[in-house]
C-alpha cells in the first residue's frame, strides 16, 4: 500500500470501529537508535481511539481488538504500539 503506515492504520481502524475519536501519534523519533528502530521513522506509535463498540469490552479486550484490526502491522512492520482505547464521554 502506498502512503504511510499511520495512514494505513487509520484506514483499518476506521473501517473496523467507526471511532468517534482517533489519533495516531508517531513516537518513532523519541526511540531513534533504540531497540526496534528500523530507521524508517515509522516504528513506534501511540493510538488513542474512542468508539461505542468498546462499551462492553474489558481494557484487555479493547487492546486485543485494536491489534487484531491492524493485522500484520504490529510486530512485523511496526515495533511497538501503545493503545489508549475507550468509549465516548456520555
N, C-alpha and C. Protein backbone atom coordinates (compact mmCIF):
# COMPACT_ATOMS: atom_id res chain seq x y z
N UNK A 1 0.83 -1.18 0.00
CA UNK A 1 0.00 0.00 0.00
C UNK A 1 0.88 1.24 0.00
N UNK A 2 0.55 2.22 -0.82
CA UNK A 2 1.26 3.48 -0.82
C UNK A 2 0.79 4.33 0.34
N UNK A 3 1.65 5.24 0.78
CA UNK A 3 1.29 6.08 1.92
C UNK A 3 2.00 5.59 3.16
N UNK A 4 1.75 6.30 4.23
CA UNK A 4 2.44 5.98 5.48
C UNK A 4 1.74 4.85 6.23
N UNK A 5 2.48 4.27 7.13
CA UNK A 5 1.92 3.24 8.00
C UNK A 5 0.79 3.84 8.83
N UNK A 6 0.97 5.07 9.30
CA UNK A 6 -0.08 5.73 10.09
C UNK A 6 -1.37 5.86 9.30
N UNK A 7 -1.27 6.21 8.02
CA UNK A 7 -2.47 6.31 7.17
C UNK A 7 -3.14 4.96 7.01
N UNK A 8 -2.34 3.93 6.84
CA UNK A 8 -2.88 2.58 6.70
C UNK A 8 -3.58 2.15 7.99
N UNK A 9 -2.95 2.43 9.13
CA UNK A 9 -3.57 2.09 10.41
C UNK A 9 -4.88 2.84 10.58
N UNK A 10 -4.90 4.12 10.23
CA UNK A 10 -6.12 4.92 10.33
C UNK A 10 -7.25 4.28 9.52
N UNK A 11 -6.97 3.91 8.29
CA UNK A 11 -7.99 3.29 7.45
C UNK A 11 -8.54 2.00 8.03
N UNK A 12 -7.65 1.16 8.53
CA UNK A 12 -8.08 -0.11 9.13
C UNK A 12 -8.95 0.11 10.37
N UNK A 13 -8.55 1.05 11.22
CA UNK A 13 -9.29 1.30 12.45
C UNK A 13 -10.64 1.97 12.19
N UNK A 14 -10.69 2.87 11.22
CA UNK A 14 -11.96 3.50 10.86
C UNK A 14 -12.92 2.44 10.32
N UNK A 15 -12.41 1.57 9.46
CA UNK A 15 -13.26 0.50 8.90
C UNK A 15 -13.76 -0.45 9.98
N UNK A 16 -12.91 -0.78 10.93
CA UNK A 16 -13.26 -1.77 11.95
C UNK A 16 -14.17 -1.23 13.04
N UNK A 17 -13.99 0.05 13.42
CA UNK A 17 -14.65 0.56 14.62
C UNK A 17 -15.49 1.82 14.44
N UNK A 18 -15.40 2.51 13.30
CA UNK A 18 -16.10 3.79 13.12
C UNK A 18 -15.93 4.67 14.37
N UNK A 19 -14.69 4.97 14.74
CA UNK A 19 -14.45 5.68 16.00
C UNK A 19 -14.97 7.12 16.00
N UNK A 20 -15.34 7.57 17.18
CA UNK A 20 -15.74 8.97 17.36
C UNK A 20 -14.50 9.84 17.58
N UNK A 21 -13.42 9.23 18.01
CA UNK A 21 -12.13 9.91 18.14
C UNK A 21 -11.05 8.93 17.73
N UNK A 22 -10.10 9.40 16.95
CA UNK A 22 -8.97 8.57 16.56
C UNK A 22 -7.76 9.47 16.35
N UNK A 23 -6.73 9.18 17.11
CA UNK A 23 -5.48 9.92 16.97
C UNK A 23 -4.36 8.89 16.88
N UNK A 24 -3.54 9.02 15.87
CA UNK A 24 -2.39 8.13 15.70
C UNK A 24 -1.15 9.01 15.76
N UNK A 25 -0.37 8.79 16.79
CA UNK A 25 0.80 9.62 17.07
C UNK A 25 2.06 8.82 16.77
N UNK A 26 2.89 9.36 15.92
CA UNK A 26 4.15 8.71 15.58
C UNK A 26 5.19 9.08 16.63
N UNK A 27 5.56 8.10 17.45
CA UNK A 27 6.54 8.29 18.53
C UNK A 27 7.94 7.85 18.12
N UNK A 28 8.14 7.54 16.87
CA UNK A 28 9.39 6.93 16.42
C UNK A 28 10.62 7.78 16.71
N UNK A 29 10.52 9.09 16.56
CA UNK A 29 11.68 9.96 16.77
C UNK A 29 12.23 9.84 18.18
N UNK A 30 11.36 9.63 19.16
CA UNK A 30 11.85 9.52 20.53
C UNK A 30 12.46 8.15 20.83
N UNK A 31 12.40 7.24 19.85
CA UNK A 31 13.00 5.91 20.01
C UNK A 31 14.17 5.70 19.05
N UNK A 32 14.61 6.76 18.42
CA UNK A 32 15.71 6.68 17.45
C UNK A 32 16.95 6.07 18.09
N UNK A 33 17.48 5.06 17.44
CA UNK A 33 18.67 4.39 17.94
C UNK A 33 18.41 3.33 18.98
N UNK A 34 17.17 3.19 19.41
CA UNK A 34 16.81 2.17 20.41
C UNK A 34 16.43 0.87 19.73
N UNK A 35 16.25 -0.15 20.53
CA UNK A 35 15.79 -1.44 20.02
C UNK A 35 14.47 -1.27 19.28
N UNK A 36 14.37 -1.88 18.13
CA UNK A 36 13.14 -1.82 17.35
C UNK A 36 13.10 -0.68 16.36
N UNK A 37 14.05 0.26 16.44
CA UNK A 37 14.10 1.36 15.48
C UNK A 37 14.71 0.83 14.20
N UNK A 38 13.90 0.76 13.16
CA UNK A 38 14.39 0.21 11.89
C UNK A 38 14.87 1.31 10.93
N UNK A 39 14.86 2.56 11.38
CA UNK A 39 15.31 3.66 10.55
C UNK A 39 14.25 4.20 9.60
N UNK A 40 13.06 3.60 9.61
CA UNK A 40 12.00 4.02 8.69
C UNK A 40 11.29 5.28 9.17
N UNK A 41 11.43 5.58 10.46
CA UNK A 41 10.68 6.70 11.02
C UNK A 41 9.24 6.32 11.32
N UNK A 42 8.92 5.03 11.20
CA UNK A 42 7.57 4.53 11.48
C UNK A 42 7.65 3.21 12.24
N UNK A 43 8.29 3.27 13.40
CA UNK A 43 8.48 2.04 14.18
C UNK A 43 7.72 2.02 15.50
N UNK A 44 7.33 3.17 16.01
CA UNK A 44 6.65 3.28 17.31
C UNK A 44 5.48 4.26 17.20
N UNK A 45 4.31 3.84 17.68
CA UNK A 45 3.12 4.67 17.60
C UNK A 45 2.31 4.61 18.89
N UNK A 46 1.54 5.65 19.14
CA UNK A 46 0.51 5.65 20.16
C UNK A 46 -0.82 5.84 19.44
N UNK A 47 -1.79 5.02 19.77
CA UNK A 47 -3.13 5.11 19.19
C UNK A 47 -4.10 5.47 20.30
N UNK A 48 -4.83 6.56 20.10
CA UNK A 48 -5.90 6.98 21.01
C UNK A 48 -7.19 6.81 20.23
N UNK A 49 -8.06 5.92 20.71
CA UNK A 49 -9.28 5.61 19.98
C UNK A 49 -10.46 5.51 20.93
N UNK A 50 -11.57 6.12 20.54
CA UNK A 50 -12.83 6.01 21.28
C UNK A 50 -13.92 5.57 20.32
N UNK A 51 -14.70 4.60 20.76
CA UNK A 51 -15.80 4.10 19.95
C UNK A 51 -16.83 3.42 20.86
N UNK A 52 -18.11 3.55 20.54
CA UNK A 52 -19.13 2.84 21.31
C UNK A 52 -18.95 1.32 21.26
N UNK A 53 -18.27 0.83 20.25
CA UNK A 53 -18.01 -0.61 20.10
C UNK A 53 -17.33 -1.19 21.35
N UNK A 54 -16.56 -0.37 22.03
CA UNK A 54 -15.81 -0.84 23.20
C UNK A 54 -16.62 -0.86 24.49
N UNK A 55 -17.87 -0.46 24.46
CA UNK A 55 -18.67 -0.28 25.68
C UNK A 55 -18.72 -1.52 26.57
N UNK A 56 -18.86 -2.68 26.01
CA UNK A 56 -18.99 -3.92 26.80
C UNK A 56 -17.69 -4.71 26.88
N UNK A 57 -16.59 -4.11 26.46
CA UNK A 57 -15.30 -4.81 26.44
C UNK A 57 -14.42 -4.39 27.61
N UNK A 58 -13.64 -5.33 28.11
CA UNK A 58 -12.63 -5.00 29.12
C UNK A 58 -11.48 -4.24 28.44
N UNK A 59 -10.63 -3.65 29.24
CA UNK A 59 -9.47 -2.93 28.72
C UNK A 59 -8.62 -3.84 27.84
N UNK A 60 -8.38 -5.06 28.30
CA UNK A 60 -7.58 -6.01 27.54
C UNK A 60 -8.26 -6.40 26.24
N UNK A 61 -9.57 -6.62 26.28
CA UNK A 61 -10.31 -6.99 25.06
C UNK A 61 -10.26 -5.85 24.04
N UNK A 62 -10.32 -4.62 24.51
CA UNK A 62 -10.23 -3.47 23.60
C UNK A 62 -8.87 -3.45 22.90
N UNK A 63 -7.82 -3.65 23.67
CA UNK A 63 -6.47 -3.64 23.09
C UNK A 63 -6.30 -4.79 22.10
N UNK A 64 -6.81 -5.94 22.45
CA UNK A 64 -6.72 -7.09 21.53
C UNK A 64 -7.50 -6.83 20.24
N UNK A 65 -8.65 -6.18 20.35
CA UNK A 65 -9.46 -5.86 19.17
C UNK A 65 -8.72 -4.89 18.24
N UNK A 66 -8.06 -3.90 18.82
CA UNK A 66 -7.30 -2.94 18.02
C UNK A 66 -6.14 -3.65 17.32
N UNK A 67 -5.39 -4.46 18.05
CA UNK A 67 -4.27 -5.20 17.47
C UNK A 67 -4.77 -6.11 16.34
N UNK A 68 -5.89 -6.81 16.56
CA UNK A 68 -6.44 -7.70 15.52
C UNK A 68 -6.83 -6.91 14.28
N UNK A 69 -7.41 -5.73 14.46
CA UNK A 69 -7.82 -4.90 13.32
C UNK A 69 -6.62 -4.44 12.50
N UNK A 70 -5.46 -4.31 13.14
CA UNK A 70 -4.27 -3.84 12.45
C UNK A 70 -3.54 -4.94 11.70
N UNK A 71 -3.99 -6.17 11.83
CA UNK A 71 -3.40 -7.28 11.07
C UNK A 71 -1.92 -7.45 11.32
N UNK A 72 -1.14 -7.53 10.22
CA UNK A 72 0.30 -7.82 10.34
C UNK A 72 1.14 -6.58 10.65
N UNK A 73 0.52 -5.44 10.81
CA UNK A 73 1.30 -4.22 11.03
C UNK A 73 2.08 -4.28 12.33
N UNK A 74 1.40 -4.61 13.42
CA UNK A 74 2.06 -4.66 14.73
C UNK A 74 2.87 -5.94 14.84
N UNK A 75 4.14 -5.78 15.18
CA UNK A 75 5.01 -6.94 15.36
C UNK A 75 5.80 -7.29 14.12
N UNK A 76 5.28 -6.93 12.95
CA UNK A 76 6.03 -7.22 11.73
C UNK A 76 6.52 -5.95 11.04
N UNK A 77 5.66 -4.95 10.95
CA UNK A 77 6.04 -3.71 10.27
C UNK A 77 6.24 -2.56 11.24
N UNK A 78 5.67 -2.66 12.42
CA UNK A 78 5.82 -1.66 13.47
C UNK A 78 6.29 -2.38 14.72
N UNK A 79 7.30 -1.82 15.37
CA UNK A 79 7.88 -2.49 16.55
C UNK A 79 6.97 -2.40 17.77
N UNK A 80 6.37 -1.23 18.00
CA UNK A 80 5.60 -1.05 19.23
C UNK A 80 4.42 -0.10 19.02
N UNK A 81 3.31 -0.43 19.66
CA UNK A 81 2.11 0.41 19.63
C UNK A 81 1.56 0.50 21.05
N UNK A 82 1.40 1.72 21.53
CA UNK A 82 0.72 1.96 22.80
C UNK A 82 -0.73 2.28 22.46
N UNK A 83 -1.67 1.65 23.15
CA UNK A 83 -3.08 1.82 22.82
C UNK A 83 -3.84 2.38 24.01
N UNK A 84 -4.55 3.48 23.76
CA UNK A 84 -5.46 4.06 24.74
C UNK A 84 -6.84 3.96 24.13
N UNK A 85 -7.60 2.94 24.53
CA UNK A 85 -8.89 2.65 23.92
C UNK A 85 -10.01 2.87 24.93
N UNK A 86 -10.97 3.69 24.55
CA UNK A 86 -12.07 3.99 25.45
C UNK A 86 -13.39 4.17 24.73
N UNK A 87 -14.39 4.55 25.49
CA UNK A 87 -15.70 4.83 24.91
C UNK A 87 -15.93 6.34 24.96
N UNK A 88 -16.78 6.85 24.06
CA UNK A 88 -17.05 8.29 24.06
C UNK A 88 -17.66 8.74 25.38
N UNK A 89 -17.33 9.95 25.78
CA UNK A 89 -17.90 10.51 27.00
C UNK A 89 -19.40 10.66 26.85
N UNK A 90 -20.13 10.38 27.90
CA UNK A 90 -21.58 10.46 27.86
C UNK A 90 -22.05 11.89 27.99
